[in-house]
C-alpha atoms as a PDB file:
ATOM      1  CA  MET A   1     -10.662  12.708 -17.856  1.00  0.00           C
ATOM      2  CA  LYS A   2      -8.390   9.727 -18.298  1.00  0.00           C
ATOM      3  CA  VAL A   3      -6.673   7.868 -15.480  1.00  0.00           C
ATOM      4  CA  ILE A   4      -4.289   4.936 -15.874  1.00  0.00           C
ATOM      5  CA  ILE A   5      -3.908   2.713 -12.825  1.00  0.00           C
ATOM      6  CA  VAL A   6      -0.658   0.757 -12.530  1.00  0.00           C
ATOM      7  CA  SER A   7      -1.166  -1.702  -9.693  1.00  0.00           C
ATOM      8  CA  GLY A   8       0.330  -4.975  -8.528  1.00  0.00           C
ATOM      9  CA  PRO A   9       2.059  -6.740  -5.658  1.00  0.00           C
ATOM     10  CA  THR A  10       5.241  -5.324  -4.234  1.00  0.00           C
ATOM     11  CA  ALA A  11       8.362  -5.664  -6.417  1.00  0.00           C
ATOM     12  CA  THR A  12       6.622  -6.112  -9.765  1.00  0.00           C
ATOM     13  CA  GLY A  13       8.122  -3.151 -11.616  1.00  0.00           C
ATOM     14  CA  LYS A  14       5.316  -0.616 -11.197  1.00  0.00           C
ATOM     15  CA  THR A  15       7.671   2.353 -10.862  1.00  0.00           C
ATOM     16  CA  ASP A  16       9.704   1.427 -13.953  1.00  0.00           C
ATOM     17  CA  ILE A  17       6.610   0.865 -16.095  1.00  0.00           C
ATOM     18  CA  SER A  18       4.878   4.066 -15.003  1.00  0.00           C
ATOM     19  CA  ILE A  19       7.963   6.170 -15.686  1.00  0.00           C
ATOM     20  CA  GLU A  20       8.372   4.622 -19.130  1.00  0.00           C
ATOM     21  CA  LEU A  21       4.710   5.289 -19.900  1.00  0.00           C
ATOM     22  CA  ALA A  22       5.031   8.909 -18.790  1.00  0.00           C
ATOM     23  CA  ARG A  23       8.134   9.324 -20.958  1.00  0.00           C
ATOM     24  CA  GLN A  24       6.326   8.050 -24.028  1.00  0.00           C
ATOM     25  CA  PHE A  25       2.839   9.442 -23.537  1.00  0.00           C
ATOM     26  CA  GLY A  26       3.270  12.340 -21.118  1.00  0.00           C
ATOM     27  CA  GLY A  27       1.446  12.746 -17.838  1.00  0.00           C
ATOM     28  CA  GLU A  28       2.269  12.709 -14.144  1.00  0.00           C
ATOM     29  CA  VAL A  29       2.292  10.067 -11.410  1.00  0.00           C
ATOM     30  CA  VAL A  30       0.098  10.070  -8.311  1.00  0.00           C
ATOM     31  CA  ASN A  31       1.312   7.509  -5.790  1.00  0.00           C
ATOM     32  CA  PHE A  32      -1.050   5.234  -3.863  1.00  0.00           C
ATOM     33  CA  ASP A  33       1.566   3.172  -2.044  1.00  0.00           C
ATOM     34  CA  SER A  34       1.052   3.888   1.646  1.00  0.00           C
ATOM     35  CA  LEU A  35       4.741   3.846   2.661  1.00  0.00           C
ATOM     36  CA  LEU A  36       5.877   6.273  -0.030  1.00  0.00           C
ATOM     37  CA  LEU A  37       3.821   8.942   1.738  1.00  0.00           C
ATOM     38  CA  TYR A  38       6.442   9.307   4.480  1.00  0.00           C
ATOM     39  CA  LYS A  39       9.407  11.615   4.112  1.00  0.00           C
ATOM     40  CA  GLU A  40      11.676   9.909   6.680  1.00  0.00           C
ATOM     41  CA  ILE A  41      11.759   6.439   5.097  1.00  0.00           C
ATOM     42  CA  THR A  42      13.270   5.798   1.685  1.00  0.00           C
ATOM     43  CA  ILE A  43      15.447   2.718   1.219  1.00  0.00           C
ATOM     44  CA  GLY A  44      12.971   0.175   2.583  1.00  0.00           C
ATOM     45  CA  THR A  45      10.099   1.642   0.553  1.00  0.00           C
ATOM     46  CA  ALA A  46      11.731   1.324  -2.897  1.00  0.00           C
ATOM     47  CA  LYS A  47      10.829   4.972  -3.435  1.00  0.00           C
ATOM     48  CA  PRO A  48      11.469   6.431  -6.913  1.00  0.00           C
ATOM     49  CA  THR A  49      14.884   8.081  -6.998  1.00  0.00           C
ATOM     50  CA  SER A  50      15.312  11.848  -6.955  1.00  0.00           C
ATOM     51  CA  LEU A  51      16.378  11.646 -10.607  1.00  0.00           C
ATOM     52  CA  GLU A  52      13.207   9.758 -11.540  1.00  0.00           C
ATOM     53  CA  GLN A  53      11.059  12.206  -9.614  1.00  0.00           C
ATOM     54  CA  GLY A  54      12.897  15.068 -11.269  1.00  0.00           C
ATOM     55  CA  GLU A  55      12.244  13.693 -14.752  1.00  0.00           C
ATOM     56  CA  ILE A  56       8.595  12.728 -14.212  1.00  0.00           C
ATOM     57  CA  PRO A  57       6.521  14.726 -11.706  1.00  0.00           C
ATOM     58  CA  HIS A  58       5.396  12.495  -8.822  1.00  0.00           C
ATOM     59  CA  HIS A  59       2.682  13.435  -6.332  1.00  0.00           C
ATOM     60  CA  MET A  60       1.724  12.014  -2.913  1.00  0.00           C
ATOM     61  CA  ILE A  61       5.314  11.118  -2.054  1.00  0.00           C
ATOM     62  CA  ASN A  62       6.991  12.550   1.080  1.00  0.00           C
ATOM     63  CA  VAL A  63       3.789  14.318   2.139  1.00  0.00           C
ATOM     64  CA  ALA A  64       3.574  13.018   5.726  1.00  0.00           C
ATOM     65  CA  SER A  65       5.716  12.153   8.739  1.00  0.00           C
ATOM     66  CA  ILE A  66       5.986   8.734  10.355  1.00  0.00           C
ATOM     67  CA  SER A  67       5.177  10.514  13.623  1.00  0.00           C
ATOM     68  CA  GLN A  68       1.678  11.235  12.282  1.00  0.00           C
ATOM     69  CA  PRO A  69       0.603   8.274  10.119  1.00  0.00           C
ATOM     70  CA  MET A  70      -1.881   8.924   7.329  1.00  0.00           C
ATOM     71  CA  ASN A  71      -4.882   6.625   6.843  1.00  0.00           C
ATOM     72  CA  ALA A  72      -6.669   5.836   3.594  1.00  0.00           C
ATOM     73  CA  ALA A  73      -9.380   8.447   4.098  1.00  0.00           C
ATOM     74  CA  ALA A  74      -6.826  11.211   4.670  1.00  0.00           C
ATOM     75  CA  TYR A  75      -4.877   9.995   1.651  1.00  0.00           C
ATOM     76  CA  ALA A  76      -7.925  10.178  -0.616  1.00  0.00           C
ATOM     77  CA  LYS A  77      -8.824  13.629   0.692  1.00  0.00           C
ATOM     78  CA  MET A  78      -5.337  14.914  -0.186  1.00  0.00           C
ATOM     79  CA  ALA A  79      -4.904  13.071  -3.500  1.00  0.00           C
ATOM     80  CA  LEU A  80      -8.250  13.918  -5.112  1.00  0.00           C
ATOM     81  CA  PRO A  81      -7.645  17.687  -5.501  1.00  0.00           C
ATOM     82  CA  ILE A  82      -4.231  16.951  -7.044  1.00  0.00           C
ATOM     83  CA  ILE A  83      -5.815  14.662  -9.640  1.00  0.00           C
ATOM     84  CA  ASN A  84      -8.508  17.229 -10.392  1.00  0.00           C
ATOM     85  CA  GLN A  85      -5.858  19.927 -10.876  1.00  0.00           C
ATOM     86  CA  LEU A  86      -3.911  17.694 -13.260  1.00  0.00           C
ATOM     87  CA  HIS A  87      -7.078  17.042 -15.277  1.00  0.00           C
ATOM     88  CA  GLU A  88      -7.748  20.778 -15.433  1.00  0.00           C
ATOM     89  CA  LYS A  89      -4.306  21.106 -17.055  1.00  0.00           C
ATOM     90  CA  ASN A  90      -5.189  18.264 -19.493  1.00  0.00           C
ATOM     91  CA  LYS A  91      -2.550  16.029 -17.920  1.00  0.00           C
ATOM     92  CA  LEU A  92      -2.734  12.255 -18.139  1.00  0.00           C
ATOM     93  CA  VAL A  93      -2.772  10.797 -14.611  1.00  0.00           C
ATOM     94  CA  TYR A  94      -1.034   7.568 -13.586  1.00  0.00           C
ATOM     95  CA  LEU A  95      -2.176   6.143 -10.252  1.00  0.00           C
ATOM     96  CA  VAL A  96       0.702   3.906  -9.199  1.00  0.00           C
ATOM     97  CA  GLY A  97       1.065   1.649  -6.167  1.00  0.00           C
ATOM     98  CA  GLY A  98       0.270  -1.547  -4.354  1.00  0.00           C
ATOM     99  CA  SER A  99      -1.932  -0.399  -1.455  1.00  0.00           C
ATOM    100  CA  GLY A 100      -5.307  -1.580  -2.672  1.00  0.00           C
ATOM    101  CA  PHE A 101      -7.226  -0.110   0.254  1.00  0.00           C
ATOM    102  CA  TYR A 102      -5.883   3.371  -0.526  1.00  0.00           C
ATOM    103  CA  LEU A 103      -6.809   2.974  -4.186  1.00  0.00           C
ATOM    104  CA  GLN A 104     -10.309   1.873  -3.223  1.00  0.00           C
ATOM    105  CA  ALA A 105     -10.713   4.846  -0.897  1.00  0.00           C
ATOM    106  CA  LEU A 106      -9.741   7.170  -3.738  1.00  0.00           C
ATOM    107  CA  LEU A 107     -11.921   5.558  -6.424  1.00  0.00           C
ATOM    108  CA  GLN A 108     -14.984   4.567  -4.404  1.00  0.00           C
ATOM    109  CA  GLY A 109     -14.911   6.517  -1.174  1.00  0.00           C
ATOM    110  CA  MET A 110     -14.666   5.096   2.335  1.00  0.00           C
ATOM    111  CA  TYR A 111     -17.223   2.951   4.106  1.00  0.00           C
ATOM    112  CA  ASP A 112     -18.719   4.478   7.246  1.00  0.00           C
ATOM    113  CA  SER A 113     -16.922   3.645  10.477  1.00  0.00           C
ATOM    114  CA  PRO A 114     -17.663   5.777  13.546  1.00  0.00           C
ATOM    115  CA  THR A 115     -14.858   7.505  15.396  1.00  0.00           C
ATOM    116  CA  THR A 116     -13.379   5.262  18.056  1.00  0.00           C
ATOM    117  CA  PRO A 117     -14.332   6.497  21.550  1.00  0.00           C
ATOM    118  CA  LYS A 118     -11.507   7.290  23.951  1.00  0.00           C
ATOM    119  CA  GLU A 119     -12.361   4.408  26.289  1.00  0.00           C
ATOM    120  CA  ILE A 120     -12.201   1.916  23.391  1.00  0.00           C
ATOM    121  CA  SER A 121      -8.812   3.276  22.285  1.00  0.00           C
ATOM    122  CA  GLU A 122      -7.480   3.032  25.835  1.00  0.00           C
ATOM    123  CA  ARG A 123      -8.791  -0.543  26.154  1.00  0.00           C
ATOM    124  CA  SER A 124      -7.097  -1.427  22.867  1.00  0.00           C
ATOM    125  CA  ASP A 125      -3.801   0.215  23.846  1.00  0.00           C
ATOM    126  CA  LYS A 126      -3.740  -1.557  27.228  1.00  0.00           C
ATOM    127  CA  LEU A 127      -4.394  -4.991  25.711  1.00  0.00           C
ATOM    128  CA  TYR A 128      -1.827  -4.441  22.952  1.00  0.00           C
ATOM    129  CA  GLN A 129       0.873  -3.259  25.351  1.00  0.00           C
ATOM    130  CA  GLU A 130       0.308  -6.204  27.692  1.00  0.00           C
ATOM    131  CA  LEU A 131      -0.220  -9.095  25.266  1.00  0.00           C
ATOM    132  CA  GLY A 132       0.617  -7.881  21.751  1.00  0.00           C
ATOM    133  CA  ILE A 133      -1.433  -8.595  18.649  1.00  0.00           C
ATOM    134  CA  ASN A 134      -2.462 -12.204  19.394  1.00  0.00           C
ATOM    135  CA  PRO A 135      -5.597 -11.396  21.457  1.00  0.00           C
ATOM    136  CA  PHE A 136      -6.823  -9.156  18.632  1.00  0.00           C
ATOM    137  CA  LEU A 137      -6.320 -11.950  16.113  1.00  0.00           C
ATOM    138  CA  GLU A 138      -8.268 -14.300  18.382  1.00  0.00           C
ATOM    139  CA  ILE A 139     -11.145 -11.821  18.682  1.00  0.00           C
ATOM    140  CA  LEU A 140     -11.359 -11.479  14.903  1.00  0.00           C
ATOM    141  CA  ALA A 141     -11.186 -15.255  14.488  1.00  0.00           C
ATOM    142  CA  GLN A 142     -14.250 -15.567  16.709  1.00  0.00           C
ATOM    143  CA  HIS A 143     -16.292 -12.532  15.678  1.00  0.00           C
ATOM    144  CA  ASP A 144     -15.056 -11.399  12.258  1.00  0.00           C
ATOM    145  CA  PRO A 145     -13.163 -14.181  10.420  1.00  0.00           C
ATOM    146  CA  ALA A 146     -13.732 -12.478   7.051  1.00  0.00           C
ATOM    147  CA  THR A 147     -11.686  -9.481   8.172  1.00  0.00           C
ATOM    148  CA  LEU A 148      -9.057 -11.746   9.728  1.00  0.00           C
ATOM    149  CA  ASN A 149      -8.636 -13.477   6.353  1.00  0.00           C
ATOM    150  CA  ARG A 150      -8.386 -10.114   4.630  1.00  0.00           C
ATOM    151  CA  TYR A 151      -5.554  -8.626   6.683  1.00  0.00           C
ATOM    152  CA  HIS A 152      -1.981  -9.781   7.090  1.00  0.00           C
ATOM    153  CA  ALA A 153      -1.240 -10.746  10.698  1.00  0.00           C
ATOM    154  CA  ASN A 154       1.620  -8.210  10.717  1.00  0.00           C
ATOM    155  CA  ASP A 155      -0.790  -5.383   9.866  1.00  0.00           C
ATOM    156  CA  HIS A 156      -1.298  -4.577  13.525  1.00  0.00           C
ATOM    157  CA  TYR A 157      -2.899  -1.205  12.832  1.00  0.00           C
ATOM    158  CA  ARG A 158      -5.776  -2.541  10.706  1.00  0.00           C
ATOM    159  CA  VAL A 159      -6.254  -5.653  12.843  1.00  0.00           C
ATOM    160  CA  ARG A 160      -6.632  -3.469  15.924  1.00  0.00           C
ATOM    161  CA  ARG A 161      -8.944  -1.034  14.135  1.00  0.00           C
ATOM    162  CA  ALA A 162     -11.206  -3.925  13.124  1.00  0.00           C
ATOM    163  CA  VAL A 163     -11.434  -5.113  16.734  1.00  0.00           C
ATOM    164  CA  GLU A 164     -12.038  -1.564  17.962  1.00  0.00           C
ATOM    165  CA  HIS A 165     -14.841  -1.221  15.405  1.00  0.00           C
ATOM    166  CA  PHE A 166     -16.422  -4.439  16.714  1.00  0.00           C
ATOM    167  CA  TRP A 167     -16.112  -3.351  20.338  1.00  0.00           C
ATOM    168  CA  ASN A 168     -17.621   0.033  19.500  1.00  0.00           C
ATOM    169  CA  THR A 169     -20.509  -1.065  17.277  1.00  0.00           C
ATOM    170  CA  GLY A 170     -21.044  -4.759  17.996  1.00  0.00           C
ATOM    171  CA  THR A 171     -20.921  -5.280  14.238  1.00  0.00           C
ATOM    172  CA  PRO A 172     -18.128  -7.013  12.279  1.00  0.00           C
ATOM    173  CA  LEU A 173     -16.229  -4.613  10.059  1.00  0.00           C
ATOM    174  CA  SER A 174     -16.636  -7.085   7.191  1.00  0.00           C
ATOM    175  CA  GLU A 175     -20.415  -6.460   7.188  1.00  0.00           C
ATOM    176  CA  VAL A 176     -19.903  -2.725   6.724  1.00  0.00           C
ATOM    177  CA  ARG A 177     -17.369  -3.393   3.986  1.00  0.00           C
ATOM    178  CA  SER A 178     -19.668  -5.853   2.209  1.00  0.00           C
ATOM    179  CA  LYS A 179     -22.469  -3.280   2.065  1.00  0.00           C
ATOM    180  CA  LYS A 180     -20.051  -0.740   0.586  1.00  0.00           C
ATOM    181  CA  ASP A 181     -18.795  -3.294  -1.944  1.00  0.00           C
ATOM    182  CA  GLU A 182     -22.366  -4.089  -3.004  1.00  0.00           C
ATOM    183  CA  GLU A 183     -23.039  -0.397  -3.442  1.00  0.00           C
ATOM    184  CA  ASN A 184     -19.902  -0.004  -5.554  1.00  0.00           C
ATOM    185  CA  GLN A 185     -20.748  -3.004  -7.726  1.00  0.00           C
ATOM    186  CA  SER A 186     -24.180  -1.596  -8.464  1.00  0.00           C
ATOM    187  CA  ARG A 187     -22.594   1.416 -10.145  1.00  0.00           C
ATOM    188  CA  GLU A 188     -22.047   1.381 -13.875  1.00  0.00           C
ATOM    189  CA  GLN A 189     -18.731   3.200 -13.496  1.00  0.00           C
ATOM    190  CA  SER A 190     -15.560   1.892 -11.852  1.00  0.00           C
ATOM    191  CA  ASN A 191     -15.271   5.047  -9.742  1.00  0.00           C
ATOM    192  CA  VAL A 192     -17.437   7.767  -8.218  1.00  0.00           C
ATOM    193  CA  HIS A 193     -15.672  10.556 -10.111  1.00  0.00           C
ATOM    194  CA  GLY A 194     -16.640   9.635 -13.670  1.00  0.00           C
ATOM    195  CA  TRP A 195     -13.037   9.112 -14.748  1.00  0.00           C
ATOM    196  CA  ASP A 196     -12.247   7.061 -17.839  1.00  0.00           C
ATOM    197  CA  VAL A 197      -9.981   4.388 -16.330  1.00  0.00           C
ATOM    198  CA  LEU A 198      -7.516   1.876 -17.750  1.00  0.00           C
ATOM    199  CA  HIS A 199      -6.316  -0.487 -15.020  1.00  0.00           C
ATOM    200  CA  LEU A 200      -3.001  -2.207 -15.753  1.00  0.00           C
ATOM    201  CA  HIS A 201      -2.231  -4.868 -13.168  1.00  0.00           C
ATOM    202  CA  LEU A 202       1.377  -6.089 -13.134  1.00  0.00           C
ATOM    203  CA  ASP A 203       2.375  -9.479 -11.778  1.00  0.00           C
ATOM    204  CA  VAL A 204       4.895 -12.253 -12.339  1.00  0.00           C
ATOM    205  CA  PRO A 205       4.872 -16.015 -11.593  1.00  0.00           C
ATOM    206  CA  LYS A 206       5.563 -16.789  -7.936  1.00  0.00           C
ATOM    207  CA  GLU A 207       8.949 -18.490  -8.454  1.00  0.00           C
ATOM    208  CA  GLU A 208      10.219 -15.607 -10.564  1.00  0.00           C
ATOM    209  CA  HIS A 209       8.781 -13.127  -8.093  1.00  0.00           C
ATOM    210  CA  SER A 210      10.500 -14.861  -5.172  1.00  0.00           C
ATOM    211  CA  GLU A 211      13.871 -14.342  -6.856  1.00  0.00           C
ATOM    212  CA  ILE A 212      13.074 -10.676  -7.529  1.00  0.00           C
ATOM    213  CA  ILE A 213      12.094 -10.184  -3.880  1.00  0.00           C
ATOM    214  CA  LYS A 214      15.296 -11.869  -2.705  1.00  0.00           C
ATOM    215  CA  ASN A 215      17.468  -9.675  -4.923  1.00  0.00           C
ATOM    216  CA  ARG A 216      15.626  -6.495  -3.965  1.00  0.00           C
ATOM    217  CA  THR A 217      15.977  -7.268  -0.259  1.00  0.00           C
ATOM    218  CA  LYS A 218      19.734  -7.790  -0.672  1.00  0.00           C
ATOM    219  CA  LYS A 219      19.959  -4.495  -2.542  1.00  0.00           C
ATOM    220  CA  MET A 220      18.078  -2.631   0.193  1.00  0.00           C
ATOM    221  CA  LEU A 221      20.419  -3.944   2.873  1.00  0.00           C
ATOM    222  CA  LEU A 222      23.497  -3.155   0.792  1.00  0.00           C
ATOM    223  CA  SER A 223      22.106   0.339   0.144  1.00  0.00           C
ATOM    224  CA  GLY A 224      22.005   1.133   3.855  1.00  0.00           C
ATOM    225  CA  LEU A 225      18.619   0.066   5.232  1.00  0.00           C
ATOM    226  CA  ILE A 226      20.144  -0.770   8.620  1.00  0.00           C
ATOM    227  CA  ARG A 227      21.869   2.609   8.802  1.00  0.00           C
ATOM    228  CA  GLU A 228      18.606   4.333   7.828  1.00  0.00           C
ATOM    229  CA  VAL A 229      16.840   2.653  10.754  1.00  0.00           C
ATOM    230  CA  GLN A 230      19.700   3.424  13.137  1.00  0.00           C
ATOM    231  CA  ASP A 231      19.521   7.092  12.142  1.00  0.00           C
ATOM    232  CA  LEU A 232      15.751   7.191  12.708  1.00  0.00           C
ATOM    233  CA  LEU A 233      16.123   5.645  16.163  1.00  0.00           C
ATOM    234  CA  GLY A 234      18.931   8.106  16.873  1.00  0.00           C
ATOM    235  CA  GLU A 235      16.615  10.988  15.952  1.00  0.00           C
ATOM    236  CA  GLY A 236      14.193   9.926  18.660  1.00  0.00           C
ATOM    237  CA  PHE A 237      11.699   7.746  16.845  1.00  0.00           C
ATOM    238  CA  THR A 238      10.735   4.765  18.997  1.00  0.00           C
ATOM    239  CA  GLY A 239      10.393   2.160  16.258  1.00  0.00           C
ATOM    240  CA  ASN A 240       6.777   1.587  17.291  1.00  0.00           C
ATOM    241  CA  GLU A 241       5.419   4.132  14.823  1.00  0.00           C
ATOM    242  CA  LYS A 242       3.013   2.429  12.405  1.00  0.00           C
ATOM    243  CA  PRO A 243       5.184   3.005   9.280  1.00  0.00           C
ATOM    244  CA  LEU A 244       8.216   1.602  11.123  1.00  0.00           C
ATOM    245  CA  GLN A 245       6.280  -1.593  11.802  1.00  0.00           C
ATOM    246  CA  SER A 246       6.103  -2.230   8.051  1.00  0.00           C
ATOM    247  CA  ILE A 247       8.115  -4.940   6.309  1.00  0.00           C
ATOM    248  CA  GLY A 248      11.830  -4.230   6.204  1.00  0.00           C
ATOM    249  CA  TYR A 249      11.794  -1.666   8.980  1.00  0.00           C
ATOM    250  CA  LYS A 250      10.205  -3.955  11.568  1.00  0.00           C
ATOM    251  CA  GLU A 251      12.801  -6.676  10.972  1.00  0.00           C
ATOM    252  CA  VAL A 252      15.737  -4.286  11.138  1.00  0.00           C
ATOM    253  CA  ILE A 253      14.355  -2.793  14.362  1.00  0.00           C
ATOM    254  CA  ASP A 254      14.111  -6.324  15.762  1.00  0.00           C
ATOM    255  CA  LEU A 255      17.751  -6.818  14.737  1.00  0.00           C
ATOM    256  CA  GLU A 256      18.747  -3.604  16.520  1.00  0.00           C
ATOM    257  CA  ARG A 257      16.853  -4.722  19.627  1.00  0.00           C
ATOM    258  CA  GLY A 258      18.589  -8.104  19.641  1.00  0.00           C
ATOM    259  CA  LEU A 259      15.441 -10.052  18.773  1.00  0.00           C
ATOM    260  CA  LEU A 260      17.143 -11.346  15.628  1.00  0.00           C
ATOM    261  CA  LYS A 261      20.597 -12.871  15.814  1.00  0.00           C
ATOM    262  CA  SER A 262      22.192 -11.753  12.556  1.00  0.00           C
ATOM    263  CA  GLU A 263      21.806  -9.701   9.414  1.00  0.00           C
ATOM    264  CA  ALA A 264      21.297 -12.960   7.510  1.00  0.00           C
ATOM    265  CA  GLU A 265      18.333 -13.858   9.719  1.00  0.00           C
ATOM    266  CA  CYS A 266      16.993 -10.340   9.299  1.00  0.00           C
ATOM    267  CA  MET A 267      17.221 -10.621   5.517  1.00  0.00           C
ATOM    268  CA  GLU A 268      15.434 -13.971   5.504  1.00  0.00           C
ATOM    269  CA  ARG A 269      12.627 -12.582   7.671  1.00  0.00           C
ATOM    270  CA  ILE A 270      12.183  -9.646   5.284  1.00  0.00           C
ATOM    271  CA  ILE A 271      12.052 -11.979   2.286  1.00  0.00           C
ATOM    272  CA  VAL A 272       9.440 -14.239   3.898  1.00  0.00           C
ATOM    273  CA  SER A 273       7.303 -11.299   5.044  1.00  0.00           C
ATOM    274  CA  THR A 274       7.507  -9.674   1.609  1.00  0.00           C
ATOM    275  CA  ARG A 275       6.315 -12.894  -0.029  1.00  0.00           C
ATOM    276  CA  GLN A 276       3.393 -12.988   2.407  1.00  0.00           C
ATOM    277  CA  LEU A 277       2.571  -9.369   1.627  1.00  0.00           C
ATOM    278  CA  ALA A 278       2.646 -10.095  -2.110  1.00  0.00           C
ATOM    279  CA  LYS A 279       0.229 -12.971  -1.549  1.00  0.00           C
ATOM    280  CA  SER A 280      -2.236 -10.753   0.314  1.00  0.00           C
ATOM    281  CA  GLN A 281      -1.931  -8.049  -2.362  1.00  0.00           C
ATOM    282  CA  ARG A 282      -2.716 -10.619  -5.063  1.00  0.00           C
ATOM    283  CA  THR A 283      -5.793 -11.678  -3.133  1.00  0.00           C
ATOM    284  CA  TRP A 284      -6.926  -8.055  -2.927  1.00  0.00           C
ATOM    285  CA  PHE A 285      -6.421  -7.180  -6.579  1.00  0.00           C
ATOM    286  CA  ASN A 286      -7.860 -10.490  -7.796  1.00  0.00           C
ATOM    287  CA  ARG A 287     -11.270  -9.239  -6.634  1.00  0.00           C
ATOM    288  CA  ILE A 288     -11.118  -6.175  -8.859  1.00  0.00           C
ATOM    289  CA  GLN A 289     -12.966  -6.518 -12.153  1.00  0.00           C
ATOM    290  CA  GLY A 290     -12.031  -4.902 -15.456  1.00  0.00           C
ATOM    291  CA  LYS A 291      -8.270  -4.798 -15.014  1.00  0.00           C
ATOM    292  CA  VAL A 292      -5.734  -5.928 -17.628  1.00  0.00           C
ATOM    293  CA  SER A 293      -3.233  -8.341 -16.015  1.00  0.00           C
ATOM    294  CA  LEU A 294       0.232  -8.280 -17.569  1.00  0.00           C
ATOM    295  CA  HIS A 295       3.802  -9.446 -17.008  1.00  0.00           C
ATOM    296  CA  PRO A 296       5.869  -6.229 -16.680  1.00  0.00           C
ATOM    297  CA  ILE A 297       8.714  -7.560 -18.847  1.00  0.00           C
ATOM    298  CA  LEU A 298       7.271 -10.179 -21.194  1.00  0.00           C
ATOM    299  CA  ASN A 299       4.162  -8.081 -21.926  1.00  0.00           C
ATOM    300  CA  LYS A 300       5.802  -4.643 -22.034  1.00  0.00           C
ATOM    301  CA  ALA A 301       4.876  -4.115 -25.707  1.00  0.00           C
ATOM    302  CA  LEU A 302       1.260  -4.953 -24.864  1.00  0.00           C
ATOM    303  CA  VAL A 303       1.337  -2.474 -21.980  1.00  0.00           C
ATOM    304  CA  LEU A 304       2.500   0.284 -24.320  1.00  0.00           C
ATOM    305  CA  ASP A 305      -0.039  -0.669 -26.979  1.00  0.00           C
ATOM    306  CA  SER A 306      -2.880  -0.745 -24.433  1.00  0.00           C
ATOM    307  CA  VAL A 307      -2.051   2.745 -23.237  1.00  0.00           C
ATOM    308  CA  HIS A 308      -1.689   4.088 -26.777  1.00  0.00           C
ATOM    309  CA  LYS A 309      -5.139   2.790 -27.704  1.00  0.00           C
ATOM    310  CA  PHE A 310      -6.680   4.071 -24.469  1.00  0.00           C
ATOM    311  CA  ILE A 311      -5.290   7.563 -24.949  1.00  0.00           C
ATOM    312  CA  HIS A 312      -6.525   7.806 -28.530  1.00  0.00           C
ATOM    313  CA  LEU A 313     -10.035   6.481 -27.961  1.00  0.00           C
END
């Protein structure tokens, strides 16, 4: 049962490479990018086009609503049966995305974290509504700096969950994660399912990547990202939904609310935040062993050759 992972920071050509691989070698794509799960958001997620999805079957795209965000555990629970069904049909599976935590949940399973009691959730909501994310960042800095270093400051959902875990258990979330990581490393296989995995990790030098991010951000705005957000707000979404606090959407919502002065300022904020996201994604994937790191353009022939050899082993 062969699985090809195509991972990498945002805007590194994962969609293009995976579609080209599927054209040449067959197979279907299973997404593990968290934002592509949501049916209401498209432009700011760089979602594969309808033509691309029509040519190559894609799974785990448009399977949830921003009104009911999906976490990594729910993602893995939904994606695993799809992968098993594809293997039963002798299909090659491409896991494609940049959300490392979702990939880990699928390959290794989730670490144990008890359900947050109602009183903890209410305490968290009250603090967040009154003072925003800063108190949560300060709590992690004091009690769980390893988790603070792991998460982007804009990832309010995970930052809050880490604090809620600490309040509930008295134990830093990083300790629970470390135990799970040690357990995973002790396994001979890279996953709990026994899949034969080839992990292709795409990345480009930072200066080149910065230019790609700048151009992609311009394209998103020209393609109607602001109108997409305006339509969502017009449909009754508040803008506080977790997916709408992601990069691109958060900045446009701030523009709509008058917190940013111009579209140019909005674009610059998106570019800076995307660079920061790419940095955190690099940090995540750098910890993963056994991957093949490649430039999506300069090493394209090597990508194709690696897959050809893997398939015919």
